[in-house]
């Protein structure tokens, strides 16, 4: 009867250890999947950051072209009315138009870089999360294996203790030199 109990204890220990390893493998696979998702998110964010910067550059160039066109229209209108645009108020108007156009273009560039930085920071965050999930995948497996070995050692220790107790009962030894382990013939083993 006790052999059955010991066998069941050992079987339960093995199943518990196998369950811990299987659970650790599942956690590791989930972490690997999450790491891959974060890597893909990082790639998308990197592309989006480049697109934001490219769009900002195009918008800046468009603003510069609009400023040049406005200045050309102003100069043509003044010249058509016989106004000299090389000094005085007409020149001041042209300079103000150029300055405002430059400010608008720089504002567009600054906003594009700010948006780029925001998206790029998100990409870096995705890269970091991916690295953390990679570490979690490795650590999950290691922890599962160590936990399984710990459970098995504990279970086998319990089974051994039960066997020792049974051996001392069967052999009639108590606290003598016999540590309670007997062979199948009921003879005590001495250490």
C-alpha atoms as a PDB file:
ATOM      1  CA  UNK A   1       0.000   0.000   0.000  1.00  0.00           C
ATOM      2  CA  UNK A   2       2.805   2.382   0.845  1.00  0.00           C
ATOM      3  CA  UNK A   3       4.609   1.514  -2.343  1.00  0.00           C
ATOM      4  CA  UNK A   4       1.511   2.694  -4.201  1.00  0.00           C
ATOM      5  CA  UNK A   5       1.488   5.942  -2.224  1.00  0.00           C
ATOM      6  CA  UNK A   6       5.168   6.489  -2.937  1.00  0.00           C
ATOM      7  CA  UNK A   7       4.664   5.696  -6.611  1.00  0.00           C
ATOM      8  CA  UNK A   8       1.742   8.128  -6.792  1.00  0.00           C
ATOM      9  CA  UNK A   9       3.817  10.786  -5.055  1.00  0.00           C
ATOM     10  CA  UNK A  10       6.638  10.299  -7.566  1.00  0.00           C
ATOM     11  CA  UNK A  11       4.174  10.310 -10.474  1.00  0.00           C
ATOM     12  CA  UNK A  12       2.549  13.494  -9.187  1.00  0.00           C
ATOM     13  CA  UNK A  13       5.954  15.079  -8.794  1.00  0.00           C
ATOM     14  CA  UNK A  14       6.886  14.216 -12.367  1.00  0.00           C
ATOM     15  CA  UNK A  15       3.571  15.552 -13.672  1.00  0.00           C
ATOM     16  CA  UNK A  16       3.970  18.737 -11.653  1.00  0.00           C
ATOM     17  CA  UNK A  17       7.468  19.245 -13.040  1.00  0.00           C
ATOM     18  CA  UNK A  18       6.293  18.582 -16.588  1.00  0.00           C
ATOM     19  CA  UNK A  19       3.416  21.017 -16.070  1.00  0.00           C
ATOM     20  CA  UNK A  20       5.783  23.727 -14.883  1.00  0.00           C
ATOM     21  CA  UNK A  21       8.017  23.205 -17.894  1.00  0.00           C
ATOM     22  CA  UNK A  22       5.025  23.268 -20.261  1.00  0.00           C
ATOM     23  CA  UNK A  23       3.713  26.433 -18.613  1.00  0.00           C
ATOM     24  CA  UNK A  24       7.143  28.058 -18.848  1.00  0.00           C
ATOM     25  CA  UNK A  25       7.376  27.119 -22.526  1.00  0.00           C
ATOM     26  CA  UNK A  26       3.937  28.642 -23.159  1.00  0.00           C
ATOM     27  CA  UNK A  27       4.934  31.840 -21.352  1.00  0.00           C
ATOM     28  CA  UNK A  28       8.163  31.926 -23.321  1.00  0.00           C
ATOM     29  CA  UNK A  29       6.307  31.510 -26.618  1.00  0.00           C
ATOM     30  CA  UNK A  30       3.852  34.268 -25.666  1.00  0.00           C
ATOM     31  CA  UNK A  31       6.735  36.589 -24.806  1.00  0.00           C
ATOM     32  CA  UNK A  32       8.455  35.759 -28.113  1.00  0.00           C
ATOM     33  CA  UNK A  33       5.221  36.549 -29.969  1.00  0.00           C
ATOM     34  CA  UNK A  34       4.863  39.861 -28.101  1.00  0.00           C
ATOM     35  CA  UNK A  35       8.491  40.698 -28.883  1.00  0.00           C
ATOM     36  CA  UNK A  36       7.868  40.111 -32.586  1.00  0.00           C
ATOM     37  CA  UNK A  37       4.718  42.270 -32.499  1.00  0.00           C
ATOM     38  CA  UNK A  38       6.697  45.077 -30.865  1.00  0.00           C
ATOM     39  CA  UNK A  39       9.467  44.731 -33.478  1.00  0.00           C
ATOM     40  CA  UNK A  40       6.871  45.085 -36.233  1.00  0.00           C
ATOM     41  CA  UNK A  41       5.321  48.086 -34.463  1.00  0.00           C
ATOM     42  CA  UNK A  42       8.782  49.640 -34.243  1.00  0.00           C
ATOM     43  CA  UNK A  43       9.333  49.139 -37.978  1.00  0.00           C
ATOM     44  CA  UNK A  44       5.976  50.739 -38.747  1.00  0.00           C
ATOM     45  CA  UNK A  45       6.737  53.663 -36.436  1.00  0.00           C
ATOM     46  CA  UNK A  46      10.169  54.108 -38.068  1.00  0.00           C
ATOM     47  CA  UNK A  47       8.491  54.270 -41.478  1.00  0.00           C
ATOM     48  CA  UNK A  48       5.841  56.632 -40.187  1.00  0.00           C
ATOM     49  CA  UNK A  49       8.521  58.914 -38.712  1.00  0.00           C
ATOM     50  CA  UNK A  50      10.292  59.067 -42.079  1.00  0.00           C
ATOM     51  CA  UNK A  51       6.970  59.812 -43.807  1.00  0.00           C
ATOM     52  CA  UNK A  52       6.233  62.623 -41.331  1.00  0.00           C
ATOM     53  CA  UNK A  53       9.625  64.171 -42.034  1.00  0.00           C
ATOM     54  CA  UNK A  54       9.234  63.789 -45.803  1.00  0.00           C
ATOM     55  CA  UNK A  55       5.757  65.358 -45.696  1.00  0.00           C
ATOM     56  CA  UNK A  56       7.113  68.235 -43.612  1.00  0.00           C
ATOM     57  CA  UNK A  57       9.913  68.819 -46.115  1.00  0.00           C
ATOM     58  CA  UNK A  58       7.418  68.873 -48.991  1.00  0.00           C
ATOM     59  CA  UNK A  59       5.143  71.272 -47.103  1.00  0.00           C
ATOM     60  CA  UNK A  60       8.108  73.532 -46.326  1.00  0.00           C
ATOM     61  CA  UNK A  61       9.119  73.601 -49.999  1.00  0.00           C
ATOM     62  CA  UNK A  62       5.522  74.346 -50.962  1.00  0.00           C
ATOM     63  CA  UNK A  63       5.442  77.281 -48.516  1.00  0.00           C
ATOM     64  CA  UNK A  64       8.711  78.663 -49.921  1.00  0.00           C
ATOM     65  CA  UNK A  65       7.323  78.422 -53.457  1.00  0.00           C
ATOM     66  CA  UNK A  66       4.121  80.216 -52.406  1.00  0.00           C
ATOM     67  CA  UNK A  67       6.187  82.990 -50.795  1.00  0.00           C
ATOM     68  CA  UNK A  68       8.276  83.369 -53.961  1.00  0.00           C
ATOM     69  CA  UNK A  69       5.105  83.535 -56.075  1.00  0.00           C
ATOM     70  CA  UNK A  70       3.565  86.151 -53.759  1.00  0.00           C
ATOM     71  CA  UNK A  71       6.731  88.264 -53.902  1.00  0.00           C
ATOM     72  CA  UNK A  72       6.798  87.996 -57.687  1.00  0.00           C
ATOM     73  CA  UNK A  73       3.131  89.096 -57.892  1.00  0.00           C
ATOM     74  CA  UNK A  74       3.796  92.017 -55.537  1.00  0.00           C
ATOM     75  CA  UNK A  75       6.820  93.113 -57.542  1.00  0.00           C
ATOM     76  CA  UNK A  76       4.948  92.789 -60.839  1.00  0.00           C
ATOM     77  CA  UNK A  77       1.955  94.767 -59.529  1.00  0.00           C
ATOM     78  CA  UNK A  78       4.174  97.540 -58.202  1.00  0.00           C
ATOM     79  CA  UNK A  79       6.284  97.635 -61.367  1.00  0.00           C
ATOM     80  CA  UNK A  80       3.094  97.799 -63.498  1.00  0.00           C
ATOM     81  CA  UNK A  81       2.118 100.909 -61.547  1.00  0.00           C
ATOM     82  CA  UNK A  82       5.545 102.458 -62.053  1.00  0.00           C
ATOM     83  CA  UNK A  83       6.704 101.956 -58.436  1.00  0.00           C
ATOM     84  CA  UNK A  84      10.430 101.361 -57.865  1.00  0.00           C
ATOM     85  CA  UNK A  85      10.721  98.276 -55.600  1.00  0.00           C
ATOM     86  CA  UNK A  86      14.403  98.744 -54.743  1.00  0.00           C
ATOM     87  CA  UNK A  87      13.907 101.214 -51.859  1.00  0.00           C
ATOM     88  CA  UNK A  88      11.401 102.625 -49.395  1.00  0.00           C
ATOM     89  CA  UNK A  89       7.994 101.169 -48.617  1.00  0.00           C
ATOM     90  CA  UNK A  90       7.883  98.827 -51.640  1.00  0.00           C
ATOM     91  CA  UNK A  91      11.207  97.302 -50.576  1.00  0.00           C
ATOM     92  CA  UNK A  92       9.988  97.043 -46.968  1.00  0.00           C
ATOM     93  CA  UNK A  93       6.851  95.241 -48.197  1.00  0.00           C
ATOM     94  CA  UNK A  94       8.982  92.762 -50.176  1.00  0.00           C
ATOM     95  CA  UNK A  95      11.298  92.195 -47.174  1.00  0.00           C
ATOM     96  CA  UNK A  96       8.316  91.680 -44.838  1.00  0.00           C
ATOM     97  CA  UNK A  97       6.787  89.183 -47.271  1.00  0.00           C
ATOM     98  CA  UNK A  98      10.106  87.295 -47.464  1.00  0.00           C
ATOM     99  CA  UNK A  99      10.482  87.284 -43.655  1.00  0.00           C
ATOM    100  CA  UNK A 100       6.926  86.075 -43.078  1.00  0.00           C
ATOM    101  CA  UNK A 101       7.372  83.365 -45.706  1.00  0.00           C
ATOM    102  CA  UNK A 102      10.630  82.260 -44.061  1.00  0.00           C
ATOM    103  CA  UNK A 103       8.953  82.184 -40.641  1.00  0.00           C
ATOM    104  CA  UNK A 104       6.081  80.109 -42.032  1.00  0.00           C
ATOM    105  CA  UNK A 105       8.528  77.690 -43.679  1.00  0.00           C
ATOM    106  CA  UNK A 106      10.545  77.360 -40.450  1.00  0.00           C
ATOM    107  CA  UNK A 107       7.343  76.780 -38.464  1.00  0.00           C
ATOM    108  CA  UNK A 108       6.405  73.981 -40.841  1.00  0.00           C
ATOM    109  CA  UNK A 109       9.891  72.471 -40.515  1.00  0.00           C
ATOM    110  CA  UNK A 110       9.850  72.755 -36.710  1.00  0.00           C
ATOM    111  CA  UNK A 111       6.427  71.121 -36.465  1.00  0.00           C
ATOM    112  CA  UNK A 112       7.541  68.337 -38.809  1.00  0.00           C
ATOM    113  CA  UNK A 113      10.600  67.643 -36.644  1.00  0.00           C
ATOM    114  CA  UNK A 114       8.489  67.676 -33.484  1.00  0.00           C
ATOM    115  CA  UNK A 115       6.077  65.178 -35.014  1.00  0.00           C
ATOM    116  CA  UNK A 116       9.026  63.132 -36.271  1.00  0.00           C
ATOM    117  CA  UNK A 117      10.520  63.070 -32.766  1.00  0.00           C
ATOM    118  CA  UNK A 118       7.202  61.973 -31.250  1.00  0.00           C
ATOM    119  CA  UNK A 119       6.818  59.089 -33.691  1.00  0.00           C
ATOM    120  CA  UNK A 120      10.512  58.195 -33.450  1.00  0.00           C
ATOM    121  CA  UNK A 121      10.290  58.089 -29.648  1.00  0.00           C
ATOM    122  CA  UNK A 122       7.359  55.703 -29.995  1.00  0.00           C
ATOM    123  CA  UNK A 123       9.496  53.527 -32.283  1.00  0.00           C
ATOM    124  CA  UNK A 124      12.266  53.490 -29.669  1.00  0.00           C
ATOM    125  CA  UNK A 125       9.703  52.514 -27.049  1.00  0.00           C
ATOM    126  CA  UNK A 126       8.568  49.614 -29.249  1.00  0.00           C
ATOM    127  CA  UNK A 127      12.193  48.504 -29.696  1.00  0.00           C
ATOM    128  CA  UNK A 128      12.704  48.600 -25.920  1.00  0.00           C
ATOM    129  CA  UNK A 129       9.504  46.652 -25.269  1.00  0.00           C
ATOM    130  CA  UNK A 130      10.621  44.062 -27.799  1.00  0.00           C
ATOM    131  CA  UNK A 131      13.931  43.649 -25.977  1.00  0.00           C
ATOM    132  CA  UNK A 132      12.102  43.250 -22.660  1.00  0.00           C
ATOM    133  CA  UNK A 133       9.838  40.567 -24.124  1.00  0.00           C
ATOM    134  CA  UNK A 134      12.910  38.761 -25.492  1.00  0.00           C
ATOM    135  CA  UNK A 135      14.415  38.745 -21.990  1.00  0.00           C
ATOM    136  CA  UNK A 136      11.092  37.617 -20.526  1.00  0.00           C
ATOM    137  CA  UNK A 137      11.004  34.708 -22.985  1.00  0.00           C
ATOM    138  CA  UNK A 138      14.450  33.542 -21.873  1.00  0.00           C
ATOM    139  CA  UNK A 139      13.736  34.073 -18.181  1.00  0.00           C
ATOM    140  CA  UNK A 140      10.369  32.273 -18.339  1.00  0.00           C
ATOM    141  CA  UNK A 141      11.985  29.105 -19.634  1.00  0.00           C
ATOM    142  CA  UNK A 142      14.800  29.252 -17.099  1.00  0.00           C
ATOM    143  CA  UNK A 143      12.410  29.907 -14.207  1.00  0.00           C
ATOM    144  CA  UNK A 144      10.122  27.093 -15.343  1.00  0.00           C
ATOM    145  CA  UNK A 145      12.940  24.595 -15.571  1.00  0.00           C
ATOM    146  CA  UNK A 146      14.353  25.610 -12.189  1.00  0.00           C
ATOM    147  CA  UNK A 147      10.865  25.493 -10.659  1.00  0.00           C
ATOM    148  CA  UNK A 148      10.272  22.053 -12.128  1.00  0.00           C
ATOM    149  CA  UNK A 149      13.556  20.742 -10.747  1.00  0.00           C
ATOM    150  CA  UNK A 150      12.751  22.298  -7.371  1.00  0.00           C
ATOM    151  CA  UNK A 151       9.315  20.660  -7.313  1.00  0.00           C
ATOM    152  CA  UNK A 152      10.766  17.339  -8.387  1.00  0.00           C
ATOM    153  CA  UNK A 153      13.520  17.500  -5.769  1.00  0.00           C
ATOM    154  CA  UNK A 154      10.942  18.318  -3.103  1.00  0.00           C
ATOM    155  CA  UNK A 155       8.616  15.553  -4.292  1.00  0.00           C
ATOM    156  CA  UNK A 156      11.373  12.989  -4.520  1.00  0.00           C
ATOM    157  CA  UNK A 157      12.569  14.065  -1.070  1.00  0.00           C
ATOM    158  CA  UNK A 158       9.067  13.486   0.277  1.00  0.00           C
ATOM    159  CA  UNK A 159       8.897  10.097  -1.406  1.00  0.00           C
ATOM    160  CA  UNK A 160      12.297   9.214   0.058  1.00  0.00           C
ATOM    161  CA  UNK A 161      11.143  10.300   3.531  1.00  0.00           C
ATOM    162  CA  UNK A 162       8.060   8.135   3.213  1.00  0.00           C
ATOM    163  CA  UNK A 163      10.192   5.213   2.089  1.00  0.00           C
ATOM    164  CA  UNK A 164      12.542   5.753   5.044  1.00  0.00           C
ATOM    165  CA  UNK A 165       9.613   5.828   7.459  1.00  0.00           C
ATOM    166  CA  UNK A 166       8.182   2.694   5.913  1.00  0.00           C
ATOM    167  CA  UNK A 167      11.561   1.000   6.061  1.00  0.00           C
ATOM    168  CA  UNK A 168      11.906   1.701   9.786  1.00  0.00           C
ATOM    169  CA  UNK A 169       8.403   0.393  10.422  1.00  0.00           C
ATOM    170  CA  UNK A 170       9.033  -2.751   8.390  1.00  0.00           C
ATOM    171  CA  UNK A 171      12.416  -3.473   9.935  1.00  0.00           C
ATOM    172  CA  UNK A 172      11.437  -2.565  13.463  1.00  0.00           C
ATOM    173  CA  UNK A 173      14.420  -0.333  13.844  1.00  0.00           C
ATOM    174  CA  UNK A 174      13.835   2.943  15.563  1.00  0.00           C
ATOM    175  CA  UNK A 175      16.515   5.302  16.413  1.00  0.00           C
ATOM    176  CA  UNK A 176      19.348   2.807  16.245  1.00  0.00           C
ATOM    177  CA  UNK A 177      22.234   2.884  13.805  1.00  0.00           C
ATOM    178  CA  UNK A 178      19.746   1.782  11.185  1.00  0.00           C
ATOM    179  CA  UNK A 179      18.419   4.837   9.391  1.00  0.00           C
ATOM    180  CA  UNK A 180      15.192   3.030   8.638  1.00  0.00           C
ATOM    181  CA  UNK A 181      15.998   1.684   5.227  1.00  0.00           C
ATOM    182  CA  UNK A 182      15.619  -2.002   4.680  1.00  0.00           C
ATOM    183  CA  UNK A 183      15.910  -4.236   1.682  1.00  0.00           C
ATOM    184  CA  UNK A 184      13.043  -6.222   0.223  1.00  0.00           C
ATOM    185  CA  UNK A 185      13.720  -9.070   2.663  1.00  0.00           C
ATOM    186  CA  UNK A 186      13.192  -6.869   5.707  1.00  0.00           C
ATOM    187  CA  UNK A 187      16.875  -6.788   6.544  1.00  0.00           C
ATOM    188  CA  UNK A 188      18.169  -3.464   7.763  1.00  0.00           C
ATOM    189  CA  UNK A 189      20.880  -1.591   5.932  1.00  0.00           C
ATOM    190  CA  UNK A 190      23.465   0.047   8.097  1.00  0.00           C
ATOM    191  CA  UNK A 191      25.432   3.109   7.230  1.00  0.00           C
END
